[in-house]
Amino acid sequence: MAELIEYKDVEIRQAEQIVLHDVNLHVESGEMIYLLGKVGSGKSSLMKTIYGALPITAGEAKVLEYDMCSIRRRKLPYLRRRLGIIFQDYKLLTDRSVEENLLFVLRATGWKDKKLMADHVTEVLKQVGMETKAYKKPYELSGGEQQRVVIARALLNSPEMILADEPTGNLDSETGREIMDLLYSISQAGITVLMSTHNTHWPELYPGKKWFFENGEIHQ
């Protein structure tokens, strides 16, 4: 198995305040990992350090072979192309169709061939069961459908790892279960999924590692 994340004695701060300390993590390919803890316990802060939105102030940290303690800003886009990020609030472009949202990401990450791009968008939408909704605008979709589009967007560049921040937080239980089916199948296909959640039932239904965030520490 490939090593994707290695954190040793890491300290994470937000606005001069220590959010997490003595963080020691090891993540390999194909793992399903749940980040569990109260609001403000550091789950989102940890995720932000993984994709370089929050600097690491002490310790050693590697993500996909990038040294996150010294990574240069110009290198961040290359790191993020190897990650898929799923936000709770979707962050879709509301004035564009589903297809145009996905094409926008492909153009931004260097794709040029229009036919290849169109075929690839169709392929990832099929993966998430949204191939018939490509022409719709985000506001014409349900919350569950929007989250499926967000997962399709995360899969566009064949990521080695997906970071999902409360992906079922805004959904009813049945829709949440459908999204979990999808995320779990992605992890079973060999893509690591790191998912923060308040729902303690998900790890029982979809087995994986559990990281507990409490009092500035992560317990495994």
N, C-alpha and C. Protein backbone atom coordinates (compact mmCIF):
# COMPACT_ATOMS: atom_id res chain seq x y z
N MET A 1 0.83 -1.21 0.00
CA MET A 1 0.00 0.00 0.00
C MET A 1 0.87 1.26 0.00
N ALA A 2 0.44 2.26 -0.76
CA ALA A 2 1.20 3.50 -0.82
C ALA A 2 0.90 4.37 0.40
N GLU A 3 1.94 5.04 0.88
CA GLU A 3 1.77 5.96 2.01
C GLU A 3 1.33 7.33 1.47
N LEU A 4 0.21 7.83 1.96
CA LEU A 4 -0.33 9.10 1.46
C LEU A 4 -0.08 10.25 2.43
N ILE A 5 -0.20 9.99 3.73
CA ILE A 5 -0.01 11.03 4.75
C ILE A 5 0.88 10.48 5.86
N GLU A 6 1.83 11.30 6.30
CA GLU A 6 2.65 10.97 7.46
C GLU A 6 2.86 12.25 8.27
N TYR A 7 2.22 12.33 9.43
CA TYR A 7 2.37 13.48 10.34
C TYR A 7 3.11 12.99 11.60
N LYS A 8 4.14 13.73 12.00
CA LYS A 8 4.89 13.39 13.23
C LYS A 8 4.97 14.63 14.13
N ASP A 9 4.41 14.52 15.31
CA ASP A 9 4.46 15.59 16.32
C ASP A 9 4.05 16.95 15.75
N VAL A 10 2.98 16.94 14.97
CA VAL A 10 2.52 18.15 14.29
C VAL A 10 1.69 19.03 15.24
N GLU A 11 1.87 20.35 15.08
CA GLU A 11 1.07 21.34 15.81
C GLU A 11 0.32 22.19 14.79
N ILE A 12 -0.97 22.40 15.04
CA ILE A 12 -1.80 23.18 14.11
C ILE A 12 -2.41 24.35 14.87
N ARG A 13 -2.26 25.55 14.32
CA ARG A 13 -2.79 26.76 14.95
C ARG A 13 -3.80 27.45 14.05
N GLN A 14 -4.74 28.14 14.67
CA GLN A 14 -5.67 29.04 13.97
C GLN A 14 -5.61 30.36 14.71
N ALA A 15 -5.18 31.42 14.01
CA ALA A 15 -5.09 32.76 14.61
C ALA A 15 -4.35 32.72 15.95
N GLU A 16 -3.15 32.15 15.92
CA GLU A 16 -2.26 32.10 17.09
C GLU A 16 -2.70 31.13 18.19
N GLN A 17 -3.89 30.56 18.05
CA GLN A 17 -4.35 29.62 19.07
C GLN A 17 -4.05 28.19 18.61
N ILE A 18 -3.49 27.39 19.50
CA ILE A 18 -3.20 25.99 19.16
C ILE A 18 -4.51 25.21 19.11
N VAL A 19 -4.82 24.64 17.95
CA VAL A 19 -6.04 23.86 17.77
C VAL A 19 -5.76 22.39 18.04
N LEU A 20 -4.65 21.89 17.51
CA LEU A 20 -4.25 20.49 17.70
C LEU A 20 -2.76 20.43 17.98
N HIS A 21 -2.35 19.53 18.87
CA HIS A 21 -0.93 19.37 19.16
C HIS A 21 -0.60 17.88 19.22
N ASP A 22 0.68 17.58 19.07
CA ASP A 22 1.17 16.19 19.11
C ASP A 22 0.37 15.28 18.17
N VAL A 23 0.17 15.76 16.94
CA VAL A 23 -0.58 14.98 15.95
C VAL A 23 0.35 13.99 15.25
N ASN A 24 0.06 12.71 15.37
CA ASN A 24 0.84 11.66 14.72
C ASN A 24 -0.12 10.78 13.92
N LEU A 25 0.00 10.86 12.59
CA LEU A 25 -0.94 10.17 11.71
C LEU A 25 -0.19 9.43 10.61
N HIS A 26 -0.77 8.32 10.19
CA HIS A 26 -0.23 7.56 9.07
C HIS A 26 -1.42 7.06 8.24
N VAL A 27 -1.44 7.43 6.97
CA VAL A 27 -2.57 7.06 6.10
C VAL A 27 -2.04 6.37 4.85
N GLU A 28 -2.66 5.24 4.51
CA GLU A 28 -2.28 4.51 3.30
C GLU A 28 -3.43 4.49 2.30
N SER A 29 -3.14 4.07 1.09
CA SER A 29 -4.15 4.07 0.03
C SER A 29 -5.27 3.08 0.34
N GLY A 30 -6.49 3.46 -0.06
CA GLY A 30 -7.65 2.57 0.07
C GLY A 30 -8.28 2.54 1.44
N GLU A 31 -7.90 3.46 2.34
CA GLU A 31 -8.47 3.47 3.68
C GLU A 31 -9.73 4.33 3.75
N MET A 32 -10.64 3.94 4.64
CA MET A 32 -11.82 4.75 4.97
C MET A 32 -11.60 5.22 6.41
N ILE A 33 -11.49 6.55 6.59
CA ILE A 33 -11.15 7.08 7.91
C ILE A 33 -12.17 8.14 8.31
N TYR A 34 -12.71 7.98 9.52
CA TYR A 34 -13.71 8.93 10.05
C TYR A 34 -13.04 9.87 11.05
N LEU A 35 -13.30 11.16 10.90
CA LEU A 35 -12.86 12.17 11.85
C LEU A 35 -14.06 12.52 12.72
N LEU A 36 -14.00 12.17 14.00
CA LEU A 36 -15.14 12.30 14.89
C LEU A 36 -14.83 13.26 16.04
N GLY A 37 -15.77 14.15 16.35
CA GLY A 37 -15.57 15.09 17.44
C GLY A 37 -16.52 16.26 17.33
N LYS A 38 -16.57 17.06 18.39
CA LYS A 38 -17.49 18.19 18.44
C LYS A 38 -17.07 19.28 17.45
N VAL A 39 -18.00 20.20 17.18
CA VAL A 39 -17.68 21.39 16.39
C VAL A 39 -16.56 22.13 17.11
N GLY A 40 -15.55 22.55 16.35
CA GLY A 40 -14.44 23.29 16.93
C GLY A 40 -13.34 22.43 17.51
N SER A 41 -13.44 21.11 17.31
CA SER A 41 -12.41 20.22 17.88
C SER A 41 -11.20 20.05 16.97
N GLY A 42 -11.23 20.63 15.77
CA GLY A 42 -10.05 20.62 14.90
C GLY A 42 -10.14 19.76 13.66
N LYS A 43 -11.31 19.17 13.41
CA LYS A 43 -11.44 18.28 12.24
C LYS A 43 -11.20 19.03 10.93
N SER A 44 -11.89 20.17 10.76
CA SER A 44 -11.72 20.95 9.53
C SER A 44 -10.32 21.54 9.44
N SER A 45 -9.76 21.94 10.58
CA SER A 45 -8.39 22.49 10.59
C SER A 45 -7.39 21.46 10.09
N LEU A 46 -7.54 20.22 10.54
CA LEU A 46 -6.65 19.16 10.06
C LEU A 46 -6.78 19.01 8.55
N MET A 47 -8.02 18.96 8.06
CA MET A 47 -8.22 18.80 6.61
C MET A 47 -7.55 19.94 5.84
N LYS A 48 -7.68 21.16 6.37
CA LYS A 48 -7.08 22.32 5.68
C LYS A 48 -5.57 22.21 5.59
N THR A 49 -4.93 21.60 6.60
CA THR A 49 -3.47 21.41 6.50
C THR A 49 -3.13 20.39 5.43
N ILE A 50 -4.03 19.44 5.19
CA ILE A 50 -3.74 18.39 4.20
C ILE A 50 -3.75 18.95 2.78
N TYR A 51 -4.65 19.93 2.52
CA TYR A 51 -4.62 20.52 1.16
C TYR A 51 -3.96 21.89 1.13
N GLY A 52 -3.26 22.24 2.21
CA GLY A 52 -2.41 23.43 2.18
C GLY A 52 -3.11 24.75 2.38
N ALA A 53 -4.32 24.74 2.93
CA ALA A 53 -5.03 26.00 3.19
C ALA A 53 -4.67 26.57 4.56
N LEU A 54 -4.04 25.74 5.40
CA LEU A 54 -3.64 26.17 6.74
C LEU A 54 -2.22 25.66 6.98
N PRO A 55 -1.30 26.56 7.33
CA PRO A 55 0.08 26.12 7.52
C PRO A 55 0.27 25.28 8.78
N ILE A 56 1.27 24.44 8.76
CA ILE A 56 1.65 23.65 9.93
C ILE A 56 2.78 24.38 10.64
N THR A 57 2.62 24.58 11.94
CA THR A 57 3.55 25.44 12.67
C THR A 57 4.69 24.70 13.36
N ALA A 58 4.54 23.38 13.54
CA ALA A 58 5.61 22.60 14.16
C ALA A 58 5.44 21.13 13.82
N GLY A 59 6.55 20.40 13.83
CA GLY A 59 6.51 18.97 13.53
C GLY A 59 6.92 18.67 12.10
N GLU A 60 6.67 17.44 11.68
CA GLU A 60 6.96 17.00 10.31
C GLU A 60 5.67 16.52 9.67
N ALA A 61 5.46 16.89 8.40
CA ALA A 61 4.22 16.51 7.73
C ALA A 61 4.45 16.31 6.24
N LYS A 62 4.05 15.13 5.77
CA LYS A 62 4.11 14.86 4.33
C LYS A 62 2.73 14.43 3.85
N VAL A 63 2.32 14.99 2.71
CA VAL A 63 1.08 14.61 2.05
C VAL A 63 1.41 14.33 0.59
N LEU A 64 1.20 13.10 0.14
CA LEU A 64 1.50 12.70 -1.23
C LEU A 64 2.92 13.11 -1.62
N GLU A 65 3.85 12.91 -0.70
CA GLU A 65 5.28 13.17 -0.87
C GLU A 65 5.65 14.65 -0.83
N TYR A 66 4.68 15.54 -0.66
CA TYR A 66 4.98 16.96 -0.50
C TYR A 66 5.24 17.25 0.98
N ASP A 67 6.29 18.02 1.25
CA ASP A 67 6.59 18.45 2.62
C ASP A 67 5.69 19.65 2.94
N MET A 68 4.69 19.44 3.79
CA MET A 68 3.70 20.49 4.05
C MET A 68 4.22 21.59 4.98
N CYS A 69 5.39 21.38 5.55
CA CYS A 69 5.99 22.43 6.40
C CYS A 69 6.75 23.45 5.57
N SER A 70 7.12 23.06 4.35
CA SER A 70 7.93 23.98 3.52
C SER A 70 7.39 24.14 2.10
N ILE A 71 6.21 23.58 1.83
CA ILE A 71 5.67 23.63 0.46
C ILE A 71 5.47 25.08 -0.01
N ARG A 72 5.87 25.36 -1.24
CA ARG A 72 5.71 26.70 -1.81
C ARG A 72 4.30 26.85 -2.39
N ARG A 73 3.82 28.08 -2.35
CA ARG A 73 2.45 28.35 -2.81
C ARG A 73 2.23 27.88 -4.24
N ARG A 74 3.24 28.02 -5.10
CA ARG A 74 3.07 27.64 -6.52
C ARG A 74 2.93 26.13 -6.70
N LYS A 75 3.32 25.36 -5.68
CA LYS A 75 3.20 23.90 -5.75
C LYS A 75 1.82 23.39 -5.31
N LEU A 76 1.07 24.24 -4.60
CA LEU A 76 -0.22 23.79 -4.05
C LEU A 76 -1.20 23.30 -5.12
N PRO A 77 -1.31 23.98 -6.29
CA PRO A 77 -2.24 23.45 -7.31
C PRO A 77 -1.91 22.02 -7.74
N TYR A 78 -0.62 21.67 -7.77
CA TYR A 78 -0.22 20.32 -8.18
C TYR A 78 -0.63 19.30 -7.11
N LEU A 79 -0.48 19.68 -5.84
CA LEU A 79 -0.94 18.82 -4.75
C LEU A 79 -2.46 18.63 -4.84
N ARG A 80 -3.19 19.75 -5.01
CA ARG A 80 -4.65 19.69 -4.96
C ARG A 80 -5.25 18.94 -6.14
N ARG A 81 -4.53 18.85 -7.25
CA ARG A 81 -5.01 18.05 -8.38
C ARG A 81 -5.05 16.57 -8.03
N ARG A 82 -4.27 16.17 -7.04
CA ARG A 82 -4.21 14.75 -6.65
C ARG A 82 -5.18 14.45 -5.50
N LEU A 83 -5.92 15.47 -5.08
CA LEU A 83 -6.90 15.33 -4.01
C LEU A 83 -8.28 15.66 -4.54
N GLY A 84 -9.31 15.05 -3.97
CA GLY A 84 -10.69 15.47 -4.23
C GLY A 84 -11.24 16.05 -2.94
N ILE A 85 -11.85 17.24 -3.02
CA ILE A 85 -12.34 17.89 -1.80
C ILE A 85 -13.85 18.06 -1.89
N ILE A 86 -14.56 17.57 -0.86
CA ILE A 86 -16.03 17.65 -0.81
C ILE A 86 -16.41 18.53 0.37
N PHE A 87 -17.05 19.66 0.06
CA PHE A 87 -17.46 20.59 1.10
C PHE A 87 -18.93 20.36 1.47
N GLN A 88 -19.26 20.68 2.72
CA GLN A 88 -20.63 20.52 3.19
C GLN A 88 -21.60 21.42 2.43
N ASP A 89 -21.13 22.62 2.07
CA ASP A 89 -22.02 23.59 1.42
C ASP A 89 -21.87 23.61 -0.12
N TYR A 90 -21.34 22.53 -0.67
CA TYR A 90 -21.29 22.25 -2.11
C TYR A 90 -20.31 23.12 -2.90
N LYS A 91 -20.40 24.46 -2.77
CA LYS A 91 -19.54 25.38 -3.52
C LYS A 91 -19.63 25.16 -5.04
N LEU A 92 -20.84 24.94 -5.53
CA LEU A 92 -21.06 24.85 -6.97
C LEU A 92 -21.33 26.24 -7.54
N LEU A 93 -21.00 26.43 -8.81
CA LEU A 93 -21.27 27.71 -9.49
C LEU A 93 -22.74 27.72 -9.89
N THR A 94 -23.53 28.58 -9.24
CA THR A 94 -24.99 28.50 -9.39
C THR A 94 -25.50 28.99 -10.74
N ASP A 95 -24.69 29.77 -11.48
CA ASP A 95 -25.14 30.30 -12.77
C ASP A 95 -24.78 29.38 -13.93
N ARG A 96 -24.23 28.21 -13.63
CA ARG A 96 -23.81 27.28 -14.70
C ARG A 96 -24.45 25.92 -14.48
N SER A 97 -24.58 25.18 -15.57
CA SER A 97 -25.16 23.84 -15.47
C SER A 97 -24.18 22.90 -14.77
N VAL A 98 -24.67 21.72 -14.44
CA VAL A 98 -23.83 20.68 -13.85
C VAL A 98 -22.62 20.40 -14.74
N GLU A 99 -22.89 20.20 -16.04
CA GLU A 99 -21.80 19.92 -16.98
C GLU A 99 -20.80 21.07 -17.02
N GLU A 100 -21.29 22.31 -17.05
CA GLU A 100 -20.39 23.46 -17.11
C GLU A 100 -19.56 23.60 -15.84
N ASN A 101 -20.13 23.24 -14.69
CA ASN A 101 -19.37 23.24 -13.44
C ASN A 101 -18.17 22.31 -13.53
N LEU A 102 -18.39 21.13 -14.10
CA LEU A 102 -17.31 20.14 -14.18
C LEU A 102 -16.29 20.51 -15.27
N LEU A 103 -16.77 21.04 -16.37
CA LEU A 103 -15.85 21.48 -17.43
C LEU A 103 -14.96 22.62 -16.94
N PHE A 104 -15.52 23.49 -16.12
CA PHE A 104 -14.76 24.61 -15.55
C PHE A 104 -13.55 24.08 -14.78
N VAL A 105 -13.75 23.02 -13.98
CA VAL A 105 -12.66 22.43 -13.19
C VAL A 105 -11.61 21.80 -14.12
N LEU A 106 -12.07 21.10 -15.15
CA LEU A 106 -11.12 20.47 -16.08
C LEU A 106 -10.26 21.52 -16.78
N ARG A 107 -10.89 22.60 -17.24
CA ARG A 107 -10.11 23.67 -17.88
C ARG A 107 -9.09 24.26 -16.90
N ALA A 108 -9.52 24.46 -15.66
CA ALA A 108 -8.65 25.06 -14.64
C ALA A 108 -7.47 24.17 -14.29
N THR A 109 -7.61 22.87 -14.54
CA THR A 109 -6.52 21.94 -14.19
C THR A 109 -5.78 21.45 -15.44
N GLY A 110 -5.94 22.19 -16.54
CA GLY A 110 -5.06 21.97 -17.69
C GLY A 110 -5.59 21.11 -18.83
N TRP A 111 -6.84 20.65 -18.76
CA TRP A 111 -7.40 19.87 -19.86
C TRP A 111 -7.66 20.79 -21.05
N LYS A 112 -7.46 20.26 -22.27
CA LYS A 112 -7.62 21.10 -23.47
C LYS A 112 -8.61 20.51 -24.50
N ASP A 113 -8.54 19.19 -24.71
CA ASP A 113 -9.32 18.53 -25.75
C ASP A 113 -10.81 18.51 -25.38
N LYS A 114 -11.63 19.22 -26.16
CA LYS A 114 -13.05 19.38 -25.81
C LYS A 114 -13.82 18.06 -25.81
N LYS A 115 -13.52 17.18 -26.77
CA LYS A 115 -14.24 15.90 -26.80
C LYS A 115 -13.85 15.03 -25.60
N LEU A 116 -12.55 14.98 -25.31
CA LEU A 116 -12.10 14.21 -24.14
C LEU A 116 -12.74 14.74 -22.87
N MET A 117 -12.82 16.06 -22.77
CA MET A 117 -13.42 16.68 -21.59
C MET A 117 -14.89 16.32 -21.46
N ALA A 118 -15.62 16.42 -22.55
CA ALA A 118 -17.06 16.11 -22.54
C ALA A 118 -17.29 14.64 -22.20
N ASP A 119 -16.47 13.76 -22.77
CA ASP A 119 -16.60 12.32 -22.49
C ASP A 119 -16.31 12.02 -21.02
N HIS A 120 -15.30 12.70 -20.49
CA HIS A 120 -14.90 12.46 -19.11
C HIS A 120 -15.97 12.94 -18.13
N VAL A 121 -16.57 14.08 -18.43
CA VAL A 121 -17.66 14.60 -17.58
C VAL A 121 -18.82 13.61 -17.57
N THR A 122 -19.18 13.10 -18.75
CA THR A 122 -20.25 12.10 -18.83
C THR A 122 -19.91 10.86 -17.99
N GLU A 123 -18.66 10.45 -18.06
CA GLU A 123 -18.20 9.25 -17.34
C GLU A 123 -18.32 9.42 -15.82
N VAL A 124 -17.85 10.58 -15.29
CA VAL A 124 -17.90 10.75 -13.82
C VAL A 124 -19.33 10.99 -13.35
N LEU A 125 -20.16 11.63 -14.17
CA LEU A 125 -21.57 11.80 -13.79
C LEU A 125 -22.28 10.45 -13.75
N LYS A 126 -21.90 9.56 -14.65
CA LYS A 126 -22.47 8.20 -14.64
C LYS A 126 -22.06 7.47 -13.37
N GLN A 127 -20.81 7.68 -12.94
CA GLN A 127 -20.31 7.04 -11.71
C GLN A 127 -21.16 7.38 -10.49
N VAL A 128 -21.69 8.61 -10.47
CA VAL A 128 -22.45 9.07 -9.30
C VAL A 128 -23.96 9.09 -9.56
N GLY A 129 -24.38 8.51 -10.69
CA GLY A 129 -25.81 8.41 -10.99
C GLY A 129 -26.48 9.72 -11.38
N MET A 130 -25.71 10.63 -12.01
CA MET A 130 -26.26 11.95 -12.37
C MET A 130 -26.14 12.26 -13.86
N GLU A 131 -25.97 11.20 -14.67
CA GLU A 131 -25.74 11.44 -16.10
C GLU A 131 -26.93 12.09 -16.80
N THR A 132 -28.14 11.95 -16.26
CA THR A 132 -29.32 12.55 -16.92
C THR A 132 -29.58 13.99 -16.46
N LYS A 133 -28.75 14.50 -15.54
CA LYS A 133 -28.99 15.84 -14.99
C LYS A 133 -27.91 16.85 -15.38
N ALA A 134 -27.12 16.52 -16.40
CA ALA A 134 -25.97 17.36 -16.76
C ALA A 134 -26.37 18.78 -17.15
N TYR A 135 -27.59 18.95 -17.71
CA TYR A 135 -28.03 20.25 -18.21
C TYR A 135 -28.65 21.13 -17.12
N LYS A 136 -28.88 20.56 -15.95
CA LYS A 136 -29.57 21.30 -14.87
C LYS A 136 -28.63 22.26 -14.16
N LYS A 137 -29.20 23.33 -13.63
CA LYS A 137 -28.45 24.25 -12.77
C LYS A 137 -28.53 23.71 -11.33
N PRO A 138 -27.52 24.02 -10.50
CA PRO A 138 -27.52 23.50 -9.12
C PRO A 138 -28.81 23.75 -8.35
N TYR A 139 -29.41 24.94 -8.53
CA TYR A 139 -30.63 25.26 -7.77
C TYR A 139 -31.84 24.44 -8.21
N GLU A 140 -31.71 23.74 -9.34
CA GLU A 140 -32.79 22.86 -9.80
C GLU A 140 -32.66 21.44 -9.23
N LEU A 141 -31.62 21.20 -8.45
CA LEU A 141 -31.35 19.87 -7.91
C LEU A 141 -31.65 19.82 -6.42
N SER A 142 -31.93 18.63 -5.92
CA SER A 142 -32.08 18.43 -4.47
C SER A 142 -30.69 18.48 -3.82
N GLY A 143 -30.68 18.54 -2.47
CA GLY A 143 -29.41 18.55 -1.75
C GLY A 143 -28.58 17.31 -2.04
N GLY A 144 -29.23 16.15 -2.08
CA GLY A 144 -28.51 14.91 -2.37
C GLY A 144 -27.93 14.90 -3.77
N GLU A 145 -28.70 15.42 -4.73
CA GLU A 145 -28.21 15.48 -6.11
C GLU A 145 -27.02 16.44 -6.22
N GLN A 146 -27.10 17.57 -5.53
CA GLN A 146 -25.97 18.51 -5.55
C GLN A 146 -24.72 17.85 -4.96
N GLN A 147 -24.91 17.09 -3.88
CA GLN A 147 -23.75 16.45 -3.26
C GLN A 147 -23.16 15.39 -4.20
N ARG A 148 -24.00 14.71 -4.98
CA ARG A 148 -23.49 13.76 -5.97
C ARG A 148 -22.63 14.49 -7.03
N VAL A 149 -23.08 15.67 -7.43
CA VAL A 149 -22.30 16.47 -8.39
C VAL A 149 -20.96 16.87 -7.77
N VAL A 150 -20.98 17.24 -6.50
CA VAL A 150 -19.74 17.60 -5.80
C VAL A 150 -18.78 16.40 -5.75
N ILE A 151 -19.32 15.21 -5.54
CA ILE A 151 -18.48 14.00 -5.54
C ILE A 151 -17.92 13.76 -6.94
N ALA A 152 -18.76 13.96 -7.97
CA ALA A 152 -18.28 13.83 -9.35
C ALA A 152 -17.14 14.82 -9.60
N ARG A 153 -17.31 16.05 -9.13
CA ARG A 153 -16.25 17.07 -9.29
C ARG A 153 -14.97 16.61 -8.60
N ALA A 154 -15.11 16.01 -7.41
CA ALA A 154 -13.93 15.53 -6.66
C ALA A 154 -13.21 14.39 -7.38
N LEU A 155 -13.96 13.63 -8.19
CA LEU A 155 -13.38 12.48 -8.89
C LEU A 155 -12.73 12.83 -10.24
N LEU A 156 -12.92 14.07 -10.70
CA LEU A 156 -12.55 14.44 -12.07
C LEU A 156 -11.10 14.11 -12.42
N ASN A 157 -10.18 14.41 -11.52
CA ASN A 157 -8.76 14.22 -11.85
C ASN A 157 -8.18 12.95 -11.23
N SER A 158 -9.03 11.92 -11.08
CA SER A 158 -8.61 10.62 -10.56
C SER A 158 -7.76 10.76 -9.30
N PRO A 159 -8.35 11.31 -8.21
CA PRO A 159 -7.56 11.60 -7.01
C PRO A 159 -7.09 10.35 -6.30
N GLU A 160 -6.01 10.50 -5.56
CA GLU A 160 -5.52 9.40 -4.72
C GLU A 160 -6.22 9.40 -3.37
N MET A 161 -6.83 10.56 -3.04
CA MET A 161 -7.47 10.69 -1.74
C MET A 161 -8.60 11.71 -1.85
N ILE A 162 -9.70 11.43 -1.12
CA ILE A 162 -10.82 12.37 -1.06
C ILE A 162 -10.99 12.84 0.37
N LEU A 163 -11.10 14.17 0.54
CA LEU A 163 -11.36 14.77 1.84
C LEU A 163 -12.81 15.24 1.83
N ALA A 164 -13.61 14.69 2.72
CA ALA A 164 -15.05 15.01 2.74
C ALA A 164 -15.41 15.63 4.09
N ASP A 165 -15.77 16.92 4.08
CA ASP A 165 -16.06 17.64 5.31
C ASP A 165 -17.57 17.65 5.55
N GLU A 166 -18.04 16.80 6.45
CA GLU A 166 -19.48 16.68 6.77
C GLU A 166 -20.33 16.52 5.50
N PRO A 167 -20.03 15.54 4.66
CA PRO A 167 -20.74 15.43 3.37
C PRO A 167 -22.22 15.10 3.49
N THR A 168 -22.65 14.56 4.65
CA THR A 168 -24.07 14.23 4.82
C THR A 168 -24.75 15.16 5.83
N GLY A 169 -24.02 16.20 6.27
CA GLY A 169 -24.51 17.07 7.34
C GLY A 169 -25.81 17.79 7.03
N ASN A 170 -26.03 18.13 5.76
CA ASN A 170 -27.24 18.88 5.38
C ASN A 170 -28.32 18.01 4.76
N LEU A 171 -28.16 16.69 4.85
CA LEU A 171 -29.06 15.78 4.14
C LEU A 171 -29.91 14.97 5.12
N ASP A 172 -31.09 14.55 4.66
CA ASP A 172 -31.91 13.66 5.50
C ASP A 172 -31.25 12.28 5.53
N SER A 173 -31.73 11.42 6.44
CA SER A 173 -31.03 10.16 6.69
C SER A 173 -30.99 9.25 5.46
N GLU A 174 -32.08 9.20 4.70
CA GLU A 174 -32.10 8.31 3.53
C GLU A 174 -31.13 8.79 2.46
N THR A 175 -31.13 10.10 2.20
CA THR A 175 -30.21 10.67 1.21
C THR A 175 -28.77 10.54 1.69
N GLY A 176 -28.58 10.75 3.00
CA GLY A 176 -27.25 10.60 3.57
C GLY A 176 -26.72 9.19 3.37
N ARG A 177 -27.60 8.22 3.51
CA ARG A 177 -27.21 6.82 3.31
C ARG A 177 -26.77 6.57 1.86
N GLU A 178 -27.48 7.18 0.92
CA GLU A 178 -27.11 7.03 -0.50
C GLU A 178 -25.72 7.62 -0.76
N ILE A 179 -25.44 8.78 -0.15
CA ILE A 179 -24.13 9.41 -0.32
C ILE A 179 -23.04 8.55 0.33
N MET A 180 -23.35 7.96 1.48
CA MET A 180 -22.38 7.09 2.14
C MET A 180 -22.11 5.83 1.32
N ASP A 181 -23.16 5.27 0.70
CA ASP A 181 -22.96 4.12 -0.20
C ASP A 181 -21.93 4.47 -1.27
N LEU A 182 -22.08 5.67 -1.82
CA LEU A 182 -21.21 6.13 -2.90
C LEU A 182 -19.78 6.32 -2.40
N LEU A 183 -19.62 7.01 -1.27
CA LEU A 183 -18.27 7.26 -0.74
C LEU A 183 -17.58 5.95 -0.33
N TYR A 184 -18.36 5.04 0.23
CA TYR A 184 -17.77 3.77 0.66
C TYR A 184 -17.32 2.95 -0.56
N SER A 185 -18.11 2.98 -1.61
CA SER A 185 -17.73 2.25 -2.83
C SER A 185 -16.46 2.84 -3.44
N ILE A 186 -16.30 4.17 -3.30
CA ILE A 186 -15.08 4.83 -3.79
C ILE A 186 -13.87 4.34 -3.00
N SER A 187 -14.02 4.23 -1.67
CA SER A 187 -12.90 3.74 -0.85
C SER A 187 -12.59 2.27 -1.16
N GLN A 188 -13.63 1.49 -1.43
CA GLN A 188 -13.43 0.08 -1.77
C GLN A 188 -12.72 -0.09 -3.11
N ALA A 189 -12.83 0.94 -3.96
CA ALA A 189 -12.14 0.90 -5.26
C ALA A 189 -10.67 1.31 -5.15
N GLY A 190 -10.23 1.66 -3.91
CA GLY A 190 -8.81 1.95 -3.70
C GLY A 190 -8.46 3.39 -3.45
N ILE A 191 -9.46 4.29 -3.44
CA ILE A 191 -9.21 5.71 -3.16
C ILE A 191 -9.45 5.96 -1.67
N THR A 192 -8.46 6.50 -0.99
CA THR A 192 -8.62 6.79 0.42
C THR A 192 -9.67 7.89 0.63
N VAL A 193 -10.54 7.70 1.62
CA VAL A 193 -11.55 8.70 1.96
C VAL A 193 -11.36 9.11 3.43
N LEU A 194 -11.08 10.40 3.64
CA LEU A 194 -11.05 10.97 4.99
C LEU A 194 -12.31 11.80 5.13
N MET A 195 -13.14 11.44 6.11
CA MET A 195 -14.46 12.07 6.22
C MET A 195 -14.73 12.53 7.64
N SER A 196 -15.01 13.83 7.80
CA SER A 196 -15.44 14.32 9.11
C SER A 196 -16.96 14.18 9.20
N THR A 197 -17.45 13.78 10.39
CA THR A 197 -18.89 13.59 10.54
C THR A 197 -19.28 13.67 12.01
N HIS A 198 -20.53 14.09 12.23
CA HIS A 198 -21.11 14.03 13.58
C HIS A 198 -21.95 12.76 13.75
N ASN A 199 -22.15 12.05 12.65
CA ASN A 199 -23.02 10.88 12.67
C ASN A 199 -22.21 9.64 13.10
N THR A 200 -22.38 9.23 14.34
CA THR A 200 -21.60 8.10 14.87
C THR A 200 -22.07 6.74 14.35
N HIS A 201 -23.20 6.74 13.62
CA HIS A 201 -23.70 5.47 13.06
C HIS A 201 -22.95 5.08 11.78
N TRP A 202 -22.42 6.08 11.06
CA TRP A 202 -21.78 5.74 9.79
C TRP A 202 -20.64 4.74 9.95
N PRO A 203 -19.74 4.90 10.95
CA PRO A 203 -18.66 3.92 11.07
C PRO A 203 -19.16 2.50 11.38
N GLU A 204 -20.34 2.40 11.99
CA GLU A 204 -20.90 1.07 12.26
C GLU A 204 -21.43 0.44 10.98
N LEU A 205 -22.04 1.27 10.12
CA LEU A 205 -22.63 0.76 8.88
C LEU A 205 -21.59 0.58 7.77
N TYR A 206 -20.57 1.46 7.78
CA TYR A 206 -19.54 1.44 6.73
C TYR A 206 -18.18 1.41 7.45
N PRO A 207 -17.66 0.24 7.75
CA PRO A 207 -16.48 0.12 8.62
C PRO A 207 -15.26 0.88 8.09
N GLY A 208 -14.52 1.44 9.05
CA GLY A 208 -13.29 2.16 8.73
C GLY A 208 -12.58 2.53 10.01
N LYS A 209 -11.44 3.19 9.87
CA LYS A 209 -10.70 3.67 11.03
C LYS A 209 -11.43 4.87 11.64
N LYS A 210 -11.26 5.07 12.94
CA LYS A 210 -11.88 6.21 13.62
C LYS A 210 -10.81 7.05 14.32
N TRP A 211 -10.82 8.34 14.03
CA TRP A 211 -9.96 9.28 14.74
C TRP A 211 -10.86 10.17 15.59
N PHE A 212 -10.60 10.22 16.88
CA PHE A 212 -11.42 11.01 17.80
C PHE A 212 -10.68 12.30 18.17
N PHE A 213 -11.36 13.43 17.97
CA PHE A 213 -10.79 14.75 18.24
C PHE A 213 -11.34 15.27 19.57
N GLU A 214 -10.44 15.51 20.52
CA GLU A 214 -10.88 15.97 21.83
C GLU A 214 -9.74 16.67 22.57
N ASN A 215 -10.04 17.82 23.15
CA ASN A 215 -9.05 18.57 23.97
C ASN A 215 -7.72 18.79 23.23
N GLY A 216 -7.84 19.15 21.94
CA GLY A 216 -6.64 19.49 21.17
C GLY A 216 -5.80 18.30 20.75
N GLU A 217 -6.35 17.08 20.92
CA GLU A 217 -5.61 15.88 20.54
C GLU A 217 -6.43 14.98 19.64
N ILE A 218 -5.75 14.10 18.92
CA ILE A 218 -6.42 13.09 18.09
C ILE A 218 -6.08 11.73 18.66
N HIS A 219 -7.12 10.98 19.03
CA HIS A 219 -6.93 9.60 19.55
C HIS A 219 -7.43 8.61 18.51
N GLN A 220 -6.67 7.55 18.31
CA GLN A 220 -7.04 6.56 17.30
C GLN A 220 -7.39 5.22 17.95
